[in-house]
N, C-alpha and C. Protein backbone atom coordinates (compact mmCIF):
# COMPACT_ATOMS: atom_id res chain seq x y z
N MET A 1 1.48 -20.85 35.88
CA MET A 1 2.62 -19.87 35.25
C MET A 1 3.05 -22.04 34.71
N ASN A 2 3.27 -22.08 34.32
CA ASN A 2 4.51 -23.30 33.68
C ASN A 2 5.65 -22.60 34.05
N GLU A 3 6.28 -22.56 34.18
CA GLU A 3 7.75 -21.92 34.76
C GLU A 3 9.11 -22.62 33.98
N SER A 4 8.67 -23.83 32.83
CA SER A 4 10.12 -23.75 32.02
C SER A 4 9.12 -23.66 30.84
N GLN A 5 7.89 -23.12 30.13
CA GLN A 5 7.04 -21.80 29.18
C GLN A 5 7.60 -20.92 29.16
N ILE A 6 8.08 -20.36 29.68
CA ILE A 6 8.52 -18.95 29.09
C ILE A 6 10.33 -19.17 28.60
N TRP A 7 10.51 -19.98 29.26
CA TRP A 7 12.02 -20.75 29.07
C TRP A 7 11.88 -20.61 27.42
N ASN A 8 10.73 -21.44 27.29
CA ASN A 8 10.79 -22.70 25.70
C ASN A 8 10.53 -21.68 25.15
N GLU A 9 9.35 -19.97 25.43
CA GLU A 9 9.34 -19.16 24.06
C GLU A 9 10.19 -17.88 23.84
N VAL A 10 11.13 -17.94 25.38
CA VAL A 10 12.24 -17.10 24.60
C VAL A 10 12.66 -17.41 23.66
N ASP A 11 13.13 -18.80 23.53
CA ASP A 11 13.94 -19.40 23.06
C ASP A 11 13.62 -19.47 21.05
N GLU A 12 12.43 -19.06 21.34
CA GLU A 12 11.16 -19.51 19.57
C GLU A 12 10.42 -17.81 19.29
N ALA A 13 11.43 -17.21 19.72
CA ALA A 13 10.63 -15.48 20.08
C ALA A 13 10.81 -15.12 18.11
N THR A 14 10.09 -14.39 17.62
CA THR A 14 10.62 -13.31 16.63
C THR A 14 9.89 -12.25 16.61
N LEU A 15 10.41 -11.55 15.50
CA LEU A 15 9.08 -9.95 15.58
C LEU A 15 7.52 -9.98 15.01
N PRO A 16 6.99 -9.47 15.17
CA PRO A 16 5.94 -8.87 15.34
C PRO A 16 6.19 -9.22 13.62
N PRO A 17 4.88 -9.63 12.67
CA PRO A 17 5.04 -9.26 11.13
C PRO A 17 4.97 -7.98 10.74
N SER A 18 5.46 -7.55 9.80
CA SER A 18 5.17 -6.10 9.46
C SER A 18 4.02 -6.07 8.30
N GLN A 19 3.19 -4.64 9.10
CA GLN A 19 2.48 -4.61 8.35
C GLN A 19 2.26 -2.93 7.41
N TYR A 20 1.76 -3.25 6.11
CA TYR A 20 1.57 -2.20 5.60
C TYR A 20 -0.06 -1.88 5.04
N PHE A 21 -0.07 -0.67 3.94
CA PHE A 21 -1.03 0.00 4.41
C PHE A 21 -1.01 0.37 2.41
N GLY A 22 -2.57 0.13 1.73
CA GLY A 22 -2.58 0.72 0.17
C GLY A 22 -3.23 0.07 -0.75
N ARG A 23 -3.50 -0.27 -1.88
CA ARG A 23 -4.86 -0.11 -2.07
C ARG A 23 -5.07 -1.75 -3.27
N VAL A 24 -6.15 -2.37 -3.13
CA VAL A 24 -6.05 -3.59 -4.23
C VAL A 24 -6.14 -3.71 -5.68
N ASP A 25 -5.52 -3.61 -6.46
CA ASP A 25 -5.89 -4.05 -7.44
C ASP A 25 -5.83 -5.78 -8.07
N ILE A 26 -6.98 -5.51 -8.54
CA ILE A 26 -6.93 -7.26 -9.50
C ILE A 26 -7.63 -7.47 -10.69
N ASP A 27 -6.35 -8.55 -11.67
CA ASP A 27 -7.08 -8.13 -12.54
C ASP A 27 -6.99 -9.78 -13.43
N MET A 28 -7.59 -9.98 -14.61
CA MET A 28 -7.69 -12.09 -13.55
C MET A 28 -8.05 -12.82 -15.25
N TYR A 29 -8.42 -13.84 -15.23
CA TYR A 29 -8.43 -14.13 -16.63
C TYR A 29 -8.32 -15.91 -16.75
N TYR A 30 -9.43 -16.14 -17.73
CA TYR A 30 -8.59 -17.63 -18.07
C TYR A 30 -7.67 -18.07 -18.68
N CYS A 31 -7.01 -19.00 -18.22
CA CYS A 31 -5.60 -19.70 -18.59
C CYS A 31 -5.77 -20.81 -18.83
N VAL A 32 -4.66 -21.19 -19.23
CA VAL A 32 -3.88 -22.49 -19.03
C VAL A 32 -2.83 -23.08 -18.70
N LEU A 33 -2.38 -24.18 -18.79
CA LEU A 33 -0.20 -23.65 -18.27
C LEU A 33 0.46 -25.23 -18.98
N VAL A 34 0.86 -23.86 -20.01
CA VAL A 34 1.41 -24.86 -21.52
C VAL A 34 3.36 -24.39 -20.38
N LYS A 35 3.79 -26.12 -20.14
CA LYS A 35 4.19 -26.16 -20.22
C LYS A 35 6.06 -25.69 -20.51
N GLY A 36 6.72 -24.57 -19.96
CA GLY A 36 8.33 -23.58 -21.21
C GLY A 36 7.57 -22.53 -21.20
N GLN A 37 6.22 -22.11 -20.37
CA GLN A 37 5.27 -21.08 -20.66
C GLN A 37 5.03 -20.28 -19.99
N GLY A 38 4.39 -21.68 -18.91
CA GLY A 38 3.65 -20.79 -18.07
C GLY A 38 2.06 -21.02 -17.94
N ALA A 39 1.48 -19.27 -17.92
CA ALA A 39 -0.17 -18.77 -17.98
C ALA A 39 -0.06 -18.52 -19.01
N VAL A 40 -0.65 -19.00 -20.31
CA VAL A 40 -1.16 -18.41 -20.77
C VAL A 40 -2.72 -18.68 -21.16
N VAL A 41 -2.97 -17.12 -22.58
CA VAL A 41 -4.79 -16.91 -22.15
C VAL A 41 -5.05 -18.02 -22.70
N PHE A 42 -6.99 -18.81 -22.09
CA PHE A 42 -7.13 -19.23 -22.69
C PHE A 42 -8.14 -19.40 -24.02
N ASP A 43 -7.70 -20.77 -25.29
CA ASP A 43 -8.95 -19.94 -26.13
C ASP A 43 -9.18 -21.39 -26.18
N ALA A 44 -10.45 -20.96 -26.63
CA ALA A 44 -11.39 -22.68 -27.25
C ALA A 44 -11.28 -23.41 -28.33
N ASN A 45 -10.42 -22.61 -29.23
CA ASN A 45 -10.01 -22.75 -30.22
C ASN A 45 -9.12 -23.75 -29.89
N GLN A 46 -8.10 -23.73 -28.96
CA GLN A 46 -6.88 -24.85 -28.56
C GLN A 46 -7.29 -24.75 -28.05
N HIS A 47 -7.93 -25.10 -27.09
CA HIS A 47 -7.57 -25.70 -25.10
C HIS A 47 -8.54 -26.49 -25.02
N HIS A 48 -8.41 -27.31 -24.06
CA HIS A 48 -9.59 -27.98 -23.41
C HIS A 48 -10.46 -27.01 -22.48
N GLU A 49 -11.46 -27.19 -22.43
CA GLU A 49 -12.32 -27.09 -21.46
C GLU A 49 -11.79 -26.95 -19.99
N ARG A 50 -11.60 -28.86 -20.02
CA ARG A 50 -11.07 -29.21 -18.13
C ARG A 50 -9.75 -28.75 -17.18
N ASP A 51 -8.96 -28.32 -18.84
CA ASP A 51 -7.34 -27.54 -18.40
C ASP A 51 -7.40 -26.42 -18.18
N LYS A 52 -8.91 -25.41 -18.39
CA LYS A 52 -9.07 -24.13 -17.58
C LYS A 52 -8.81 -23.38 -16.61
N ARG A 53 -8.07 -22.75 -16.29
CA ARG A 53 -7.57 -22.51 -14.84
C ARG A 53 -7.99 -20.46 -14.81
N ARG A 54 -8.00 -19.91 -13.55
CA ARG A 54 -8.24 -18.51 -13.17
C ARG A 54 -6.79 -18.49 -12.62
N ASN A 55 -5.62 -17.23 -13.23
CA ASN A 55 -4.69 -16.37 -13.11
C ASN A 55 -5.24 -14.76 -12.24
N MET A 56 -4.05 -15.00 -11.66
CA MET A 56 -4.68 -13.34 -11.17
C MET A 56 -3.32 -12.87 -10.72
N THR A 57 -3.85 -11.13 -10.51
CA THR A 57 -2.58 -10.29 -10.81
C THR A 57 -2.97 -9.84 -9.48
N ILE A 58 -2.96 -10.29 -8.53
CA ILE A 58 -2.56 -8.86 -7.31
C ILE A 58 -1.22 -7.79 -7.65
N SER A 59 -2.24 -6.36 -7.62
CA SER A 59 -0.90 -5.61 -6.87
C SER A 59 -2.12 -4.60 -5.84
N LEU A 60 -0.65 -4.04 -5.09
CA LEU A 60 -0.85 -3.24 -3.86
C LEU A 60 0.36 -1.71 -4.56
N THR A 61 -0.67 -0.82 -4.09
CA THR A 61 -0.61 0.86 -4.17
C THR A 61 0.17 0.87 -3.26
N PRO A 62 0.90 1.22 -2.67
CA PRO A 62 0.80 2.57 -1.74
C PRO A 62 0.34 3.55 -1.73
N LEU A 63 0.07 4.26 0.13
CA LEU A 63 -0.79 5.52 0.56
C LEU A 63 -0.03 6.53 -0.15
N SER A 64 -0.53 7.37 -0.68
CA SER A 64 0.06 8.73 -1.03
C SER A 64 0.71 8.33 0.32
N SER A 65 1.30 9.06 1.17
CA SER A 65 2.53 9.63 2.20
C SER A 65 2.97 8.93 2.44
N SER A 66 2.85 7.09 1.75
CA SER A 66 4.77 6.43 2.21
C SER A 66 5.91 6.66 1.55
N LYS A 67 6.82 6.77 2.36
CA LYS A 67 7.94 7.06 2.00
C LYS A 67 9.20 6.22 -0.02
N TYR A 68 7.25 4.91 0.24
CA TYR A 68 8.44 4.32 -0.72
C TYR A 68 7.99 3.62 -1.32
N GLN A 69 7.33 4.12 -2.91
CA GLN A 69 6.76 4.63 -3.39
C GLN A 69 6.05 3.13 -5.09
N PHE A 70 5.90 1.87 -4.27
CA PHE A 70 6.32 0.91 -5.19
C PHE A 70 5.60 0.14 -5.63
N VAL A 71 5.01 -0.95 -5.93
CA VAL A 71 3.66 -1.57 -5.94
C VAL A 71 4.21 -2.55 -6.07
N THR A 72 3.86 -3.70 -4.66
CA THR A 72 3.66 -4.58 -4.82
C THR A 72 3.04 -5.95 -5.26
N GLU A 73 3.67 -6.31 -5.94
CA GLU A 73 2.42 -7.26 -6.97
C GLU A 73 3.25 -9.11 -6.54
N ARG A 74 1.71 -9.59 -6.65
CA ARG A 74 2.25 -11.47 -7.18
C ARG A 74 0.86 -11.77 -7.85
N LYS A 75 1.57 -12.61 -8.67
CA LYS A 75 0.14 -13.68 -9.72
C LYS A 75 0.29 -15.08 -9.41
N VAL A 76 -0.86 -15.69 -9.23
CA VAL A 76 -1.28 -16.04 -8.82
C VAL A 76 -2.73 -16.52 -8.90
N LEU A 77 -2.16 -18.35 -8.97
CA LEU A 77 -4.78 -19.18 -9.39
C LEU A 77 -4.95 -19.30 -8.46
N ALA A 78 -6.41 -18.74 -8.09
CA ALA A 78 -6.91 -19.33 -7.67
C ALA A 78 -7.02 -21.20 -7.37
N GLU A 79 -6.76 -21.87 -7.60
CA GLU A 79 -6.73 -23.64 -8.06
C GLU A 79 -5.42 -23.46 -7.07
N SER A 80 -4.36 -21.98 -6.40
CA SER A 80 -2.95 -23.21 -6.12
C SER A 80 -3.29 -22.79 -4.83
N LYS A 81 -2.34 -22.95 -3.47
CA LYS A 81 -2.99 -23.39 -1.99
C LYS A 81 -2.46 -21.91 -1.61
N GLU A 82 -1.88 -21.56 -2.88
CA GLU A 82 -1.55 -19.86 -1.76
C GLU A 82 -3.11 -18.66 -2.47
N TRP A 83 -3.18 -18.98 -3.02
CA TRP A 83 -5.12 -18.81 -3.00
C TRP A 83 -6.35 -18.60 -2.05
N VAL A 84 -5.98 -20.47 -1.99
CA VAL A 84 -7.36 -21.64 -1.30
C VAL A 84 -6.72 -20.70 0.42
N LYS A 85 -5.46 -21.21 0.67
CA LYS A 85 -5.01 -20.98 1.67
C LYS A 85 -4.75 -20.55 2.47
N ILE A 86 -4.04 -19.36 2.40
CA ILE A 86 -3.34 -18.10 2.30
C ILE A 86 -4.73 -17.02 1.96
N ILE A 87 -4.44 -16.35 1.22
CA ILE A 87 -4.94 -15.04 0.17
C ILE A 87 -7.07 -14.96 0.38
N LEU A 88 -7.40 -16.09 0.26
CA LEU A 88 -9.14 -16.25 -0.03
C LEU A 88 -8.87 -16.48 1.34
N PRO A 89 -9.04 -17.62 2.36
CA PRO A 89 -9.80 -17.00 3.78
C PRO A 89 -9.17 -15.72 4.28
N SER A 90 -8.79 -14.68 4.37
CA SER A 90 -8.31 -13.83 4.94
C SER A 90 -9.61 -12.44 4.59
N ILE A 91 -9.58 -12.25 3.06
CA ILE A 91 -10.37 -11.84 2.32
C ILE A 91 -12.31 -11.78 2.70
N LYS A 92 -11.79 -13.25 3.28
CA LYS A 92 -13.42 -13.94 4.26
C LYS A 92 -13.47 -13.28 4.52
N ALA A 93 -12.61 -13.74 6.25
CA ALA A 93 -12.04 -13.04 6.97
C ALA A 93 -12.89 -11.61 7.60
N LEU A 94 -13.36 -10.76 5.99
CA LEU A 94 -13.35 -9.13 6.58
C LEU A 94 -15.04 -9.18 6.16
N GLY A 95 -15.26 -10.48 5.96
CA GLY A 95 -16.92 -10.52 5.83
C GLY A 95 -17.07 -9.98 3.49
N ILE A 96 -15.69 -9.42 3.12
CA ILE A 96 -16.34 -9.20 1.78
C ILE A 96 -15.52 -10.45 0.54
N THR A 97 -16.57 -10.50 -0.86
CA THR A 97 -15.73 -11.20 -1.55
C THR A 97 -14.85 -10.54 -2.12
N THR A 98 -13.99 -11.28 -2.99
CA THR A 98 -13.16 -10.56 -4.36
C THR A 98 -13.30 -9.68 -4.75
N ARG A 99 -14.90 -9.35 -5.81
CA ARG A 99 -15.11 -8.33 -6.44
C ARG A 99 -14.81 -7.43 -5.20
N GLU A 100 -15.57 -8.01 -4.25
CA GLU A 100 -16.05 -6.14 -3.09
C GLU A 100 -14.42 -6.27 -2.87
N LEU A 101 -13.31 -6.54 -2.52
CA LEU A 101 -11.74 -6.72 -2.39
C LEU A 101 -11.29 -4.62 -2.85
N ASN A 102 -11.73 -5.81 -4.59
CA ASN A 102 -10.58 -4.69 -5.75
C ASN A 102 -11.45 -3.60 -5.53
N GLY A 103 -9.99 -3.07 -6.11
CA GLY A 103 -10.06 -1.54 -5.70
C GLY A 103 -10.43 -0.80 -4.25
N GLN A 104 -10.33 -1.71 -2.95
CA GLN A 104 -10.27 -1.25 -2.08
C GLN A 104 -8.71 -0.27 -1.50
N TRP A 105 -9.35 0.49 -0.05
CA TRP A 105 -7.46 0.25 0.25
C TRP A 105 -7.95 -1.10 1.92
N VAL A 106 -6.42 -1.18 1.79
CA VAL A 106 -6.65 -2.19 2.83
C VAL A 106 -5.18 -2.14 4.09
N ARG A 107 -4.91 -2.99 4.87
CA ARG A 107 -3.80 -2.93 5.86
C ARG A 107 -3.63 -4.63 5.20
N TYR A 108 -2.70 -5.30 5.36
CA TYR A 108 -2.20 -6.23 5.28
C TYR A 108 -0.86 -6.34 5.15
N GLU A 109 -0.28 -8.14 5.48
CA GLU A 109 1.15 -8.64 6.09
C GLU A 109 1.50 -9.03 4.55
N MET A 110 2.73 -9.16 4.37
CA MET A 110 3.73 -10.65 3.81
C MET A 110 4.14 -11.34 4.72
N VAL A 111 3.34 -12.67 4.37
CA VAL A 111 3.81 -14.20 4.41
C VAL A 111 3.90 -14.39 4.05
N PRO A 112 5.13 -15.69 4.49
CA PRO A 112 5.27 -17.64 3.72
C PRO A 112 4.68 -17.78 2.58
N ASP A 113 5.00 -18.79 1.04
CA ASP A 113 3.53 -18.81 0.95
C ASP A 113 3.78 -20.40 1.40
N GLY A 114 4.92 -20.83 1.75
CA GLY A 114 5.68 -22.31 1.87
C GLY A 114 6.49 -22.61 0.59
N ARG A 115 6.94 -22.22 -0.06
CA ARG A 115 8.18 -22.26 -0.81
C ARG A 115 9.60 -21.53 -0.95
N THR A 116 9.86 -21.87 -1.76
CA THR A 116 11.35 -21.37 -1.83
C THR A 116 11.70 -21.07 -2.34
N TYR A 117 12.98 -19.92 -3.18
CA TYR A 117 13.98 -19.66 -4.68
C TYR A 117 14.94 -19.50 -3.98
N THR A 118 15.86 -19.67 -4.64
CA THR A 118 16.94 -18.64 -4.94
C THR A 118 17.25 -17.36 -5.15
N ASP A 119 18.09 -16.98 -4.45
CA ASP A 119 18.60 -15.32 -5.44
C ASP A 119 19.09 -15.56 -5.62
N LYS A 120 19.44 -15.06 -6.77
CA LYS A 120 20.11 -15.00 -8.12
C LYS A 120 20.94 -14.01 -7.88
N ASN A 121 21.10 -12.47 -6.78
CA ASN A 121 22.20 -11.90 -6.13
C ASN A 121 23.44 -13.08 -5.25
N SER A 122 22.80 -13.11 -5.11
CA SER A 122 22.79 -13.32 -3.01
C SER A 122 23.86 -15.02 -2.86
N GLY A 123 22.50 -15.66 -3.99
CA GLY A 123 22.92 -17.64 -3.52
C GLY A 123 22.15 -17.78 -2.19
N GLU A 124 21.48 -16.69 -1.86
CA GLU A 124 20.92 -17.72 -0.85
C GLU A 124 19.04 -17.72 -0.74
N GLU A 125 18.55 -18.92 -0.35
CA GLU A 125 17.82 -19.86 0.08
C GLU A 125 16.43 -19.24 0.50
N LYS A 126 15.79 -17.93 -0.24
CA LYS A 126 14.79 -17.67 0.65
C LYS A 126 13.46 -18.30 0.73
N HIS A 127 12.20 -17.25 1.71
CA HIS A 127 11.28 -18.05 1.42
C HIS A 127 9.64 -17.23 0.38
N SER A 128 9.53 -17.44 -0.33
CA SER A 128 8.77 -16.67 -1.44
C SER A 128 6.94 -16.71 -0.35
N THR A 129 6.61 -15.39 -1.18
CA THR A 129 5.86 -14.42 0.64
C THR A 129 4.93 -14.40 -0.21
N THR A 130 3.09 -13.90 0.11
CA THR A 130 2.03 -13.70 -0.16
C THR A 130 0.70 -13.16 1.01
N PHE A 131 0.39 -12.05 -0.05
CA PHE A 131 -0.69 -11.05 0.41
C PHE A 131 -1.53 -11.71 2.11
N LYS A 132 -1.84 -11.25 3.44
CA LYS A 132 -2.86 -11.39 3.94
C LYS A 132 -3.55 -10.54 4.93
N PHE A 133 -4.49 -10.36 3.39
CA PHE A 133 -5.27 -9.11 4.42
C PHE A 133 -5.74 -9.00 5.81
N LEU A 134 -5.70 -8.12 6.32
CA LEU A 134 -6.37 -8.01 8.28
C LEU A 134 -7.14 -6.99 7.64
N SER A 135 -7.96 -5.66 7.44
CA SER A 135 -8.40 -4.63 7.43
C SER A 135 -8.61 -4.08 6.11
N ALA A 136 -10.62 -4.24 5.91
CA ALA A 136 -10.17 -2.98 4.61
C ALA A 136 -10.42 -1.46 4.90
N TYR A 137 -10.18 -1.04 3.94
CA TYR A 137 -11.07 0.35 4.31
C TYR A 137 -11.14 1.54 3.14
N ALA A 138 -13.30 2.45 3.78
CA ALA A 138 -13.77 2.95 3.32
C ALA A 138 -12.80 3.53 1.82
N SER A 139 -12.02 4.37 2.33
CA SER A 139 -11.17 5.46 1.02
C SER A 139 -10.01 5.25 1.59
N GLU A 140 -9.60 6.61 0.85
CA GLU A 140 -7.42 5.80 1.55
C GLU A 140 -7.22 7.36 2.63
N GLU A 141 -8.37 8.16 3.11
CA GLU A 141 -7.94 8.56 4.01
C GLU A 141 -8.10 8.03 5.03
N GLU A 142 -9.28 7.41 5.47
CA GLU A 142 -9.36 5.90 6.64
C GLU A 142 -7.91 4.81 6.46
N ALA A 143 -8.06 4.84 5.66
CA ALA A 143 -6.75 3.73 5.76
C ALA A 143 -5.31 4.87 6.20
N GLU A 144 -5.12 5.42 5.64
CA GLU A 144 -4.39 6.69 6.30
C GLU A 144 -4.19 6.92 7.78
N LYS A 145 -5.28 7.20 8.03
CA LYS A 145 -6.05 7.65 9.30
C LYS A 145 -5.65 6.62 10.31
N ALA A 146 -5.42 5.81 10.15
CA ALA A 146 -5.70 3.39 10.53
C ALA A 146 -3.31 3.67 10.76
N ALA A 147 -3.29 4.03 9.95
CA ALA A 147 -1.87 3.27 9.07
C ALA A 147 -0.87 4.36 10.85
N ALA A 148 -1.71 5.87 11.01
CA ALA A 148 -1.06 6.75 11.21
C ALA A 148 -1.55 6.01 12.09
N GLU A 149 -2.03 6.20 13.41
CA GLU A 149 -1.95 5.56 14.54
C GLU A 149 -1.77 4.36 14.60
N LEU A 150 -1.23 2.99 13.34
CA LEU A 150 -0.79 2.16 14.40
C LEU A 150 0.96 2.10 14.30
N TYR A 151 1.31 3.00 13.00
CA TYR A 151 2.38 3.41 12.73
C TYR A 151 2.96 4.27 14.08
N THR A 152 2.31 4.84 14.79
CA THR A 152 2.41 5.79 16.08
C THR A 152 2.61 4.76 16.90
N ARG A 153 2.04 3.57 17.51
CA ARG A 153 2.26 3.10 18.43
C ARG A 153 3.79 2.65 17.98
N GLY A 154 3.76 2.29 16.81
CA GLY A 154 5.28 1.04 17.57
C GLY A 154 5.16 -0.26 16.78
N ASP A 155 4.00 -0.56 17.13
CA ASP A 155 3.94 -2.21 17.97
C ASP A 155 3.80 -3.18 16.72
N ASP A 156 4.32 -3.20 15.77
CA ASP A 156 3.84 -3.42 14.20
C ASP A 156 5.31 -3.82 13.90
N GLY A 157 6.36 -3.32 14.27
CA GLY A 157 7.93 -3.76 13.11
C GLY A 157 8.06 -2.88 12.21
N VAL A 158 6.77 -2.04 11.43
CA VAL A 158 6.97 -1.72 10.57
C VAL A 158 8.47 -0.32 10.68
N GLU A 159 7.55 0.52 11.32
CA GLU A 159 8.32 2.04 12.33
C GLU A 159 9.36 1.66 13.63
N ASP A 160 9.84 1.15 14.05
CA ASP A 160 9.71 1.00 15.40
C ASP A 160 10.13 2.25 15.74
N LYS A 161 10.34 3.38 17.18
CA LYS A 161 10.89 4.18 17.52
C LYS A 161 12.36 3.55 17.66
N PRO A 162 13.02 5.26 17.94
CA PRO A 162 14.39 5.50 18.40
C PRO A 162 14.60 5.31 19.71
N GLU A 163 15.69 4.24 19.43
CA GLU A 163 16.21 3.46 21.00
C GLU A 163 16.25 4.70 22.15
N ILE A 164 15.28 4.32 23.12
CA ILE A 164 15.34 5.98 24.37
C ILE A 164 16.55 5.65 25.52
N THR A 165 17.94 6.61 25.48
CA THR A 165 18.32 5.83 26.59
C THR A 165 18.41 6.92 27.76
N SER A 166 17.97 8.21 27.45
CA SER A 166 16.92 8.93 29.34
C SER A 166 16.65 9.92 28.71
N ALA A 167 15.69 10.61 29.67
CA ALA A 167 14.87 10.86 29.98
C ALA A 167 14.41 12.37 29.16
N SER A 168 15.70 13.34 28.84
CA SER A 168 15.83 14.83 27.70
C SER A 168 15.70 13.59 25.81
N ASN A 169 16.71 12.57 26.61
CA ASN A 169 16.48 12.24 24.26
C ASN A 169 15.35 11.35 23.94
N GLY A 170 14.65 10.69 25.12
CA GLY A 170 13.62 10.61 25.48
C GLY A 170 12.61 11.10 24.43
N ASN A 171 12.05 11.93 25.39
CA ASN A 171 11.42 13.67 24.63
C ASN A 171 11.89 13.06 23.26
N ASP A 172 12.65 14.24 22.89
CA ASP A 172 12.73 14.55 21.89
C ASP A 172 12.75 13.03 21.03
N ALA A 173 12.70 12.33 21.59
CA ALA A 173 13.08 11.04 20.46
C ALA A 173 11.52 10.94 19.59
N GLU A 174 10.69 10.94 20.53
CA GLU A 174 9.31 10.69 20.93
C GLU A 174 8.41 11.95 20.27
N LYS A 175 9.05 12.77 19.65
CA LYS A 175 8.97 14.16 19.21
C LYS A 175 9.17 13.87 17.77
N LYS A 176 10.04 13.92 17.45
CA LYS A 176 10.70 13.28 16.62
C LYS A 176 10.45 12.01 15.75
N VAL A 177 9.12 11.13 16.45
CA VAL A 177 8.47 10.48 15.91
C VAL A 177 7.46 10.74 15.58
N ALA A 178 6.69 11.08 16.81
CA ALA A 178 5.21 11.53 16.41
C ALA A 178 5.07 12.63 15.57
N ALA A 179 6.42 13.74 14.50
CA ALA A 179 6.72 14.41 13.68
C ALA A 179 6.72 13.99 12.09
N SER A 180 7.22 12.51 13.04
CA SER A 180 6.56 12.16 11.08
C SER A 180 5.81 11.50 10.89
N PHE A 181 4.34 11.99 11.08
CA PHE A 181 3.36 11.63 10.56
C PHE A 181 2.31 12.53 10.42
N LEU A 182 2.61 14.07 10.73
CA LEU A 182 2.11 15.52 10.55
C LEU A 182 2.07 15.11 9.08
N PRO A 183 2.80 15.06 7.91
CA PRO A 183 3.35 15.69 6.80
C PRO A 183 1.57 15.03 5.94
N SER A 184 1.19 13.28 6.87
CA SER A 184 0.56 12.64 6.23
C SER A 184 -0.49 12.99 6.81
N ILE A 185 -0.74 13.91 7.80
CA ILE A 185 -2.01 13.98 8.26
C ILE A 185 -2.59 15.68 8.24
N VAL A 186 -1.75 16.25 7.51
CA VAL A 186 -1.40 17.41 6.88
C VAL A 186 -2.18 16.57 4.74
N ASN A 187 -1.99 16.15 4.52
CA ASN A 187 -2.14 15.58 3.14
C ASN A 187 -3.59 15.15 2.95
N MET A 188 -3.88 13.51 4.39
CA MET A 188 -5.10 13.21 4.63
C MET A 188 -5.99 14.64 4.76
N CYS A 189 -6.30 15.90 5.38
CA CYS A 189 -7.05 16.57 4.73
C CYS A 189 -7.44 17.77 4.59
N ASN A 190 -6.23 17.45 3.56
CA ASN A 190 -6.20 18.36 2.02
C ASN A 190 -5.75 19.79 2.70
N GLY A 191 -4.85 19.76 3.78
CA GLY A 191 -4.76 21.42 4.53
C GLY A 191 -6.30 22.11 4.67
N ASP A 192 -7.42 21.12 5.65
CA ASP A 192 -8.24 21.96 6.49
C ASP A 192 -7.61 22.01 7.77
N ARG A 193 -7.73 23.47 8.84
CA ARG A 193 -7.26 23.27 9.60
C ARG A 193 -7.71 22.87 10.71
N GLY A 194 -9.62 23.01 10.39
CA GLY A 194 -11.01 22.61 11.44
C GLY A 194 -9.93 20.70 11.73
N LYS A 195 -10.30 20.09 10.11
CA LYS A 195 -9.75 19.08 10.80
C LYS A 195 -8.20 18.54 11.29
N ILE A 196 -7.56 19.11 10.46
CA ILE A 196 -6.44 18.93 11.29
C ILE A 196 -6.16 18.75 12.70
N SER A 197 -6.91 19.80 13.10
CA SER A 197 -6.84 20.24 14.78
C SER A 197 -7.63 19.26 15.09
N THR A 198 -8.65 18.42 14.94
CA THR A 198 -9.60 17.33 15.98
C THR A 198 -8.10 16.29 15.10
N MET A 199 -7.88 15.96 14.35
CA MET A 199 -6.76 14.41 14.17
C MET A 199 -6.07 14.56 15.64
N LEU A 200 -4.96 15.70 15.24
CA LEU A 200 -4.18 15.97 16.35
C LEU A 200 -5.13 15.74 17.70
N ALA A 201 -5.54 16.40 18.16
CA ALA A 201 -6.49 15.89 18.95
C ALA A 201 -6.91 14.71 20.12
N ASN A 202 -7.11 13.99 18.84
CA ASN A 202 -7.73 12.99 18.56
C ASN A 202 -6.89 11.75 19.24
N ASN A 203 -5.39 12.10 18.59
CA ASN A 203 -3.87 11.32 18.92
C ASN A 203 -3.58 11.87 19.83
N GLN A 204 -2.68 11.04 20.97
CA GLN A 204 -2.64 11.52 22.62
C GLN A 204 -1.17 11.74 21.84
N LEU A 205 -0.70 11.29 21.10
CA LEU A 205 0.63 11.24 21.74
C LEU A 205 0.86 12.73 20.44
N LEU A 206 0.54 13.31 19.64
CA LEU A 206 0.42 14.00 18.74
C LEU A 206 0.12 14.94 19.75
N ALA A 207 -1.71 15.34 20.31
CA ALA A 207 -2.05 16.27 21.26
C ALA A 207 -0.71 16.65 21.86
N LYS A 208 0.38 15.91 22.65
CA LYS A 208 1.13 15.53 23.36
C LYS A 208 2.33 17.09 22.66
N TYR A 209 2.26 16.99 21.77
CA TYR A 209 3.48 17.72 21.28
C TYR A 209 3.35 19.33 19.86
N PHE A 210 2.34 18.38 19.40
CA PHE A 210 1.68 19.89 18.62
C PHE A 210 -0.11 19.52 18.61
N THR A 211 -0.31 21.35 17.57
CA THR A 211 -1.23 21.90 17.86
C THR A 211 -1.36 22.36 16.62
N VAL A 212 -2.52 22.87 15.63
CA VAL A 212 -2.31 23.15 14.02
C VAL A 212 -1.65 24.46 14.29
N ASP A 213 -1.24 25.14 15.23
CA ASP A 213 -0.04 26.06 14.97
C ASP A 213 0.44 26.54 15.01
N SER A 214 1.12 25.16 15.01
CA SER A 214 2.60 24.65 15.73
C SER A 214 3.42 25.12 14.53
N PRO A 215 5.24 25.62 14.92
CA PRO A 215 5.17 25.54 13.07
C PRO A 215 5.11 25.04 12.29
N GLU A 216 5.59 23.13 12.74
CA GLU A 216 5.88 22.86 11.92
C GLU A 216 5.13 22.58 10.93
N ILE A 217 3.85 22.64 11.73
CA ILE A 217 2.37 21.92 10.50
C ILE A 217 2.10 23.07 9.31
N GLN A 218 2.63 24.42 10.81
CA GLN A 218 2.07 25.77 9.13
C GLN A 218 3.41 25.88 8.89
N THR A 219 4.07 25.64 8.58
CA THR A 219 5.08 25.10 7.24
C THR A 219 4.71 24.06 6.33
N LEU A 220 4.57 23.12 6.65
CA LEU A 220 3.70 22.16 5.96
C LEU A 220 2.63 22.83 5.28
N LEU A 221 1.13 23.75 5.69
CA LEU A 221 0.10 23.97 5.17
C LEU A 221 0.50 25.56 4.42
N MET A 222 2.41 26.09 3.93
CA MET A 222 3.16 27.10 2.99
C MET A 222 2.31 26.87 2.25
N PRO A 223 2.52 27.17 1.02
CA PRO A 223 1.77 27.42 -0.79
C PRO A 223 2.98 26.86 -1.35
């Protein structure tokens, strides 16, 4: 290995992209771009066919277990670089069409779309972002399971594990991290003890500290 390579790499290191889970909803319509108004609904009686564009509103609704319950939304033209160069290729990489993606549960990240804007509050110049889809799931339950596995590993920058300073503190911190995923597990299994037991047993970290009979689980199962 070239010794200078690692020195160059650490100077250019960045945090891994944050990854999220949610349901995709896409609304689209034909439009024309009007100066001062933006995208206006296409009307064949008023507009030329050659000016017709395809406008989409893409919304991502968080998992039921997410502590951040707000919808992330982007408006994008099918004729834009944002769609053709970033969003669409990520959909095709999943082996599905845009129609098939609509209504699906997915894992995604927010990536720069090449544009910048000035924050109205701080006055700072910031990079605009858009969706890049990474995985698609048949149900919210599957997405919840994938989220629990990914976040438990703590390797994607979304929910970092607490800093471990000693062996005893490390165990406490690790158990605390594991416990944070119990509500989503119970919710995903609809309180079914058998399913909960299986999911706990199949997760190395959770199985280390909890069973279906653990007090933490029993508290969550209480009506």
